[in-house]
Amino acid sequence: MNSKKWLISLFGFIVIIILIIEIFYNFYGYSRHEVDYLVKKRIPNINNEQYDTLILGTSLSKNALGGLNIHKNILELTSNSGVSLAGNYFILKRYLSHNNKPNDLYIFIVPSILYENLNTTGTYSYFESVFNNDKEIKEIKEIRPKLYTRKFSFDKYFESRLKSINIFRHYRQKGRVDHVNIIENSLDEFKQDDFMSENIYNRIEVAKENKYKIKIIPRTYIDRIKKICDELDIKLTVVIEPLPSDINDIFKESKIYKYILNKNITVLNINDYYSFNNNFFNRDGVHIRGKVNQYYQNLIDKYIVDIY
């Protein structure tokens, strides 16, 4: 094969690959990541339902609850911290637009979701490309007018399209498992008093940096979530997820933490019931080990909400 034919064949192959990616991106829009699946697949398929309890939250509690058999009167719609509290507000509104209101709303959070001001590297993937109906765009642009104004760029194109290659993501919700009772002492094997990963150290520095700040997105949308709950007589509870103890100590003294308390919102801190050793966390410093995750499930059931 001469070079000209080789180049033509290569070009044709690339065009076919791009077409395949575009097909999956446009017809399986929920295949890119968990938030896509939640917003574009799960929620639209929930109609005229009645759940007593609705749970929103970050990927930490998604790992705990997403694949777990829980009571049928509880609906879990957890996502990740990248969607911000604005994303959780839109998830709540999308659910309420087609279903009966719950009696209780639990929002599971880590400090990073209260620092998320929709100006990070994940904003396009987890917010702009997901929450894009006209009402959502109009509302968020009143606060952040520069959102949804980005011009075409190859990095954003590939960021959004290449993730859609995973065509098996939409089967993720089919398998659920029963809970496992974990004895607290069995976690001692993971404890290392002097252990601190670089990522945990970085999280501590971020917590210090934001200790005396209240950013506009979390402030606005905790207020709007509270307003919806008050209007519909839904009991709102904010749950602080597992944190390394140093981060928990800083966060409990932060301005945004006190702001939430002053809004007459019930706040339950899972770290008040159990101290999570640094070595309980994975390499990213956020998510927790498998056995610790199972114990976290037990703590939720015992102290937060009856899920089993």
Protein backbone atom coordinates (compact mmCIF):
# COMPACT_ATOMS: atom_id res chain seq x y z
CA MET A 1 0.00 0.00 0.00
CA ASN A 2 1.48 3.35 -1.03
CA SER A 3 1.55 6.31 1.33
CA LYS A 4 -1.41 8.06 -0.34
CA LYS A 5 -3.72 5.06 0.09
CA TRP A 6 -2.44 4.61 3.64
CA LEU A 7 -3.32 8.22 4.52
CA ILE A 8 -6.77 7.88 2.94
CA SER A 9 -7.40 4.68 4.92
CA LEU A 10 -6.20 6.34 8.13
CA PHE A 11 -8.43 9.36 7.53
CA GLY A 12 -11.42 7.10 6.87
CA PHE A 13 -10.74 5.13 10.04
CA ILE A 14 -10.56 8.34 12.12
CA VAL A 15 -13.84 9.60 10.61
CA ILE A 16 -15.57 6.30 11.49
CA ILE A 17 -14.27 6.45 15.07
CA ILE A 18 -15.49 10.05 15.44
CA LEU A 19 -18.91 9.09 14.10
CA ILE A 20 -19.17 6.19 16.56
CA ILE A 21 -18.21 8.48 19.45
CA GLU A 22 -20.78 11.07 18.34
CA ILE A 23 -23.49 8.42 18.12
CA PHE A 24 -22.86 7.26 21.69
CA TYR A 25 -22.50 10.82 22.94
CA ASN A 26 -25.82 11.92 21.46
CA PHE A 27 -27.91 8.77 21.90
CA TYR A 28 -26.38 7.52 25.15
CA GLY A 29 -25.72 10.88 26.80
CA TYR A 30 -25.81 9.24 30.21
CA SER A 31 -22.80 7.05 29.40
CA ARG A 32 -20.08 9.59 30.12
CA HIS A 33 -20.06 9.56 33.93
CA GLU A 34 -22.21 8.99 37.02
CA VAL A 35 -23.82 12.43 37.01
CA ASP A 36 -24.92 12.03 33.38
CA TYR A 37 -26.47 8.68 34.22
CA LEU A 38 -28.26 10.12 37.23
CA VAL A 39 -29.66 13.24 35.54
CA LYS A 40 -30.32 11.93 32.03
CA LYS A 41 -31.32 8.33 32.73
CA ARG A 42 -32.39 7.62 36.30
CA ILE A 43 -34.38 10.73 37.18
CA PRO A 44 -36.38 10.87 33.90
CA ASN A 45 -37.43 7.26 34.53
CA ILE A 46 -38.82 8.10 37.99
CA ASN A 47 -42.39 9.37 37.60
CA ASN A 48 -45.33 9.74 39.99
CA GLU A 49 -43.40 7.97 42.73
CA GLN A 50 -43.76 8.42 46.47
CA TYR A 51 -40.69 8.04 48.68
CA ASP A 52 -40.59 8.98 52.35
CA THR A 53 -36.91 9.86 52.23
CA LEU A 54 -34.72 11.35 49.52
CA ILE A 55 -30.92 11.23 49.79
CA LEU A 56 -28.59 13.50 47.83
CA GLY A 57 -24.83 13.62 48.26
CA THR A 58 -21.30 13.22 46.97
CA SER A 59 -19.46 10.24 45.51
CA LEU A 60 -18.31 9.20 48.99
CA SER A 61 -21.86 8.34 50.00
CA LYS A 62 -22.66 7.16 46.49
CA ASN A 63 -20.02 4.48 47.10
CA ALA A 64 -21.74 3.61 50.37
CA LEU A 65 -25.37 3.66 49.21
CA GLY A 66 -25.41 3.41 45.40
CA GLY A 67 -25.02 -0.36 45.21
CA LEU A 68 -26.67 -1.22 48.52
CA ASN A 69 -30.08 -2.76 49.11
CA ILE A 70 -31.90 -0.11 51.14
CA HIS A 71 -35.49 0.33 52.27
CA LYS A 72 -37.95 0.74 49.42
CA ASN A 73 -39.26 3.97 50.90
CA ILE A 74 -35.82 5.60 50.46
CA LEU A 75 -34.55 6.98 47.16
CA GLU A 76 -30.82 7.62 46.75
CA LEU A 77 -29.83 10.20 44.12
CA THR A 78 -26.22 10.84 45.11
CA SER A 79 -23.77 12.32 42.61
CA ASN A 80 -20.39 13.97 43.35
CA SER A 81 -19.02 17.19 44.83
CA GLY A 82 -18.22 18.57 41.36
CA VAL A 83 -21.89 19.29 40.68
CA SER A 84 -21.84 21.75 43.60
CA LEU A 85 -24.84 22.56 45.75
CA ALA A 86 -26.34 24.18 42.64
CA GLY A 87 -26.34 20.78 40.93
CA ASN A 88 -27.96 19.16 43.96
CA TYR A 89 -30.62 21.87 43.90
CA PHE A 90 -31.35 21.15 40.23
CA ILE A 91 -31.44 17.40 40.93
CA LEU A 92 -33.98 18.05 43.67
CA LYS A 93 -36.10 20.26 41.40
CA ARG A 94 -36.00 17.75 38.55
CA TYR A 95 -37.17 15.01 40.90
CA LEU A 96 -39.94 17.11 42.46
CA SER A 97 -41.25 18.20 39.04
CA HIS A 98 -42.53 14.66 38.32
CA ASN A 99 -42.94 13.05 41.74
CA ASN A 100 -44.55 13.50 45.14
CA LYS A 101 -42.52 15.29 47.75
CA PRO A 102 -40.62 13.24 50.36
CA ASN A 103 -41.03 13.79 54.08
CA ASP A 104 -37.27 14.00 54.62
CA LEU A 105 -34.34 15.21 52.56
CA TYR A 106 -30.79 14.23 53.55
CA ILE A 107 -27.85 15.90 51.82
CA PHE A 108 -24.53 14.13 52.46
CA ILE A 109 -21.59 16.48 52.00
CA VAL A 110 -17.85 16.87 52.35
CA PRO A 111 -16.27 20.33 52.77
CA SER A 112 -15.18 20.49 49.12
CA ILE A 113 -18.78 20.79 47.93
CA LEU A 114 -19.05 23.93 50.09
CA TYR A 115 -15.93 25.33 48.43
CA GLU A 116 -17.18 24.49 44.91
CA ASN A 117 -17.98 27.75 43.14
CA LEU A 118 -18.34 26.32 39.60
CA ASN A 119 -15.01 27.65 38.41
CA THR A 120 -12.90 24.49 38.51
CA THR A 121 -11.64 22.05 35.89
CA GLY A 122 -14.61 19.75 36.46
CA THR A 123 -17.28 22.43 35.97
CA TYR A 124 -17.77 21.73 32.26
CA SER A 125 -17.98 17.94 32.57
CA TYR A 126 -20.07 17.74 35.73
CA PHE A 127 -22.22 20.85 35.51
CA GLU A 128 -22.40 22.80 32.24
CA SER A 129 -22.74 19.74 30.02
CA VAL A 130 -25.32 18.11 32.34
CA PHE A 131 -27.61 20.79 33.76
CA ASN A 132 -28.48 22.51 30.52
CA ASN A 133 -32.20 23.07 30.24
CA ASP A 134 -33.24 26.68 29.67
CA LYS A 135 -34.48 27.36 33.21
CA GLU A 136 -31.32 25.99 34.80
CA ILE A 137 -29.06 27.98 32.49
CA LYS A 138 -31.00 31.20 33.07
CA GLU A 139 -30.95 30.77 36.83
CA ILE A 140 -27.28 29.95 37.24
CA LYS A 141 -26.17 32.67 34.81
CA GLU A 142 -27.76 35.28 37.07
CA ILE A 143 -25.04 34.36 39.55
CA ARG A 144 -22.26 33.14 37.27
CA PRO A 145 -22.82 34.92 33.90
CA LYS A 146 -19.69 33.45 32.33
CA LEU A 147 -21.00 29.89 32.53
CA TYR A 148 -22.28 28.37 29.26
CA THR A 149 -20.38 30.98 27.23
CA ARG A 150 -17.29 28.96 26.36
CA LYS A 151 -16.48 28.71 22.71
CA PHE A 152 -15.62 25.43 21.03
CA SER A 153 -12.27 24.02 22.04
CA PHE A 154 -10.70 20.68 21.24
CA ASP A 155 -9.85 19.96 24.87
CA LYS A 156 -13.50 20.33 25.95
CA TYR A 157 -14.64 18.33 22.93
CA PHE A 158 -12.41 15.38 23.75
CA GLU A 159 -13.10 15.72 27.49
CA SER A 160 -16.81 15.27 26.89
CA ARG A 161 -16.74 12.83 23.94
CA LEU A 162 -14.05 10.35 24.85
CA LYS A 163 -15.75 9.46 28.12
CA SER A 164 -18.80 8.35 26.16
CA ILE A 165 -16.88 5.38 24.74
CA ASN A 166 -17.74 3.39 27.87
CA ILE A 167 -21.07 2.05 26.58
CA PHE A 168 -21.55 -0.28 29.54
CA ARG A 169 -22.00 2.46 32.14
CA HIS A 170 -25.78 2.44 31.81
CA TYR A 171 -25.93 -1.07 33.29
CA ARG A 172 -24.29 0.08 36.52
CA GLN A 173 -27.40 0.25 38.70
CA LYS A 174 -28.59 -3.31 38.19
CA GLY A 175 -26.57 -5.09 40.85
CA ARG A 176 -27.19 -4.32 44.52
CA VAL A 177 -25.86 -6.11 47.58
CA ASP A 178 -27.00 -6.58 51.17
CA HIS A 179 -25.24 -4.80 53.99
CA VAL A 180 -22.52 -6.40 56.10
CA ASN A 181 -22.26 -5.82 59.85
CA ILE A 182 -18.70 -4.73 60.60
CA ILE A 183 -17.29 -4.92 64.13
CA GLU A 184 -15.55 -1.66 65.03
CA ASN A 185 -12.44 -3.39 66.41
CA SER A 186 -11.89 -5.11 63.08
CA LEU A 187 -10.82 -1.74 61.62
CA ASP A 188 -7.84 -1.45 63.98
CA GLU A 189 -5.66 -3.23 61.44
CA PHE A 190 -5.84 -0.14 59.19
CA LYS A 191 -4.90 2.42 61.82
CA GLN A 192 -1.57 4.24 61.59
CA ASP A 193 -1.32 7.22 63.91
CA ASP A 194 1.46 8.94 62.01
CA PHE A 195 0.11 8.34 58.50
CA MET A 196 -0.72 11.30 56.27
CA SER A 197 -0.81 11.11 52.48
CA GLU A 198 0.00 14.07 50.28
CA ASN A 199 -3.64 14.33 49.23
CA ILE A 200 -4.87 14.49 52.82
CA TYR A 201 -2.27 17.17 53.52
CA ASN A 202 -3.53 19.12 50.50
CA ARG A 203 -7.12 18.79 51.72
CA ILE A 204 -6.06 20.20 55.10
CA GLU A 205 -4.49 23.20 53.37
CA VAL A 206 -7.66 23.77 51.30
CA ALA A 207 -9.75 23.60 54.48
CA LYS A 208 -7.51 26.22 56.11
CA GLU A 209 -7.69 28.43 53.03
CA ASN A 210 -11.50 28.35 53.03
CA LYS A 211 -12.06 28.47 56.78
CA TYR A 212 -13.19 32.10 56.80
CA LYS A 213 -14.84 32.21 53.37
CA ILE A 214 -18.41 31.77 52.20
CA LYS A 215 -18.60 31.46 48.42
CA ILE A 216 -21.61 32.61 46.46
CA ILE A 217 -22.67 29.27 44.94
CA PRO A 218 -22.84 27.24 48.18
CA ARG A 219 -24.39 30.13 50.09
CA THR A 220 -27.06 30.78 47.46
CA TYR A 221 -28.03 27.18 46.95
CA ILE A 222 -28.11 26.09 50.57
CA ASP A 223 -30.58 28.96 50.96
CA ARG A 224 -32.64 27.85 47.95
CA ILE A 225 -32.70 24.21 49.04
CA LYS A 226 -33.82 25.32 52.49
CA LYS A 227 -36.52 27.52 50.93
CA ILE A 228 -37.95 24.63 48.88
CA CYS A 229 -37.97 22.39 51.95
CA ASP A 230 -39.72 25.03 54.05
CA GLU A 231 -42.35 25.66 51.37
CA LEU A 232 -43.09 21.95 50.91
CA ASP A 233 -42.75 21.01 54.58
CA ILE A 234 -39.78 18.71 53.94
CA LYS A 235 -37.42 18.15 56.86
CA LEU A 236 -33.89 19.01 55.70
CA THR A 237 -30.85 17.35 57.24
CA VAL A 238 -27.24 17.96 56.20
CA VAL A 239 -24.90 15.05 56.94
CA ILE A 240 -21.14 15.53 57.13
CA GLU A 241 -19.46 12.49 55.59
CA PRO A 242 -16.27 10.79 56.84
CA LEU A 243 -13.31 13.15 57.11
CA PRO A 244 -9.74 12.87 58.36
CA SER A 245 -9.88 14.23 61.92
CA ASP A 246 -7.67 17.26 61.19
CA ILE A 247 -9.98 18.35 58.37
CA ASN A 248 -13.07 17.76 60.50
CA ASP A 249 -11.68 19.97 63.28
CA ILE A 250 -10.96 22.84 60.87
CA PHE A 251 -14.27 22.47 59.07
CA LYS A 252 -16.34 22.61 62.27
CA GLU A 253 -14.81 26.02 62.97
CA SER A 254 -15.38 27.32 59.45
CA LYS A 255 -17.63 30.21 58.53
CA ILE A 256 -19.72 28.18 56.06
CA TYR A 257 -20.33 25.42 58.64
CA LYS A 258 -21.60 27.97 61.14
CA TYR A 259 -23.68 29.59 58.39
CA ILE A 260 -25.53 26.32 57.80
CA LEU A 261 -26.12 25.86 61.53
CA ASN A 262 -27.53 29.38 61.77
CA LYS A 263 -30.03 28.59 58.99
CA ASN A 264 -31.88 26.34 61.44
CA ILE A 265 -30.88 23.27 59.43
CA THR A 266 -30.32 19.98 61.23
CA VAL A 267 -26.65 19.02 60.87
CA LEU A 268 -25.44 15.53 61.72
CA ASN A 269 -21.70 14.91 61.60
CA ILE A 270 -20.83 11.25 61.16
CA ASN A 271 -17.38 12.08 62.55
CA ASP A 272 -18.98 12.80 65.94
CA TYR A 273 -19.87 9.12 66.16
CA TYR A 274 -16.60 7.67 64.92
CA SER A 275 -13.11 9.08 64.29
CA PHE A 276 -11.81 8.14 60.84
CA ASN A 277 -8.07 7.46 60.85
CA ASN A 278 -6.07 8.91 57.95
CA ASN A 279 -5.20 5.43 56.79
CA PHE A 280 -8.90 4.60 56.37
CA PHE A 281 -8.88 6.73 53.22
CA ASN A 282 -7.82 5.70 49.75
CA ARG A 283 -4.92 7.28 47.93
CA ASP A 284 -7.08 10.24 46.83
CA GLY A 285 -7.58 11.21 50.47
CA VAL A 286 -11.37 11.46 50.00
CA HIS A 287 -12.91 8.02 49.49
CA ILE A 288 -12.63 5.27 52.08
CA ARG A 289 -11.46 1.66 51.98
CA GLY A 290 -13.92 -1.13 51.25
CA LYS A 291 -14.26 -2.47 54.79
CA VAL A 292 -14.40 1.05 56.24
CA ASN A 293 -17.06 1.86 53.67
CA GLN A 294 -19.14 -1.05 54.97
CA TYR A 295 -18.74 0.26 58.51
CA TYR A 296 -19.79 3.70 57.26
CA GLN A 297 -23.00 2.08 55.98
CA ASN A 298 -23.59 0.72 59.48
CA LEU A 299 -23.03 4.18 61.00
CA ILE A 300 -25.54 5.75 58.59
CA ASP A 301 -28.12 3.15 59.54
CA LYS A 302 -27.49 3.54 63.27
CA TYR A 303 -27.14 7.31 63.64
CA ILE A 304 -28.51 9.05 60.55
CA VAL A 305 -31.39 7.25 58.86
CA ASP A 306 -32.74 3.71 59.01
CA ILE A 307 -31.60 2.36 55.62
CA TYR A 308 -31.65 -1.42 56.17
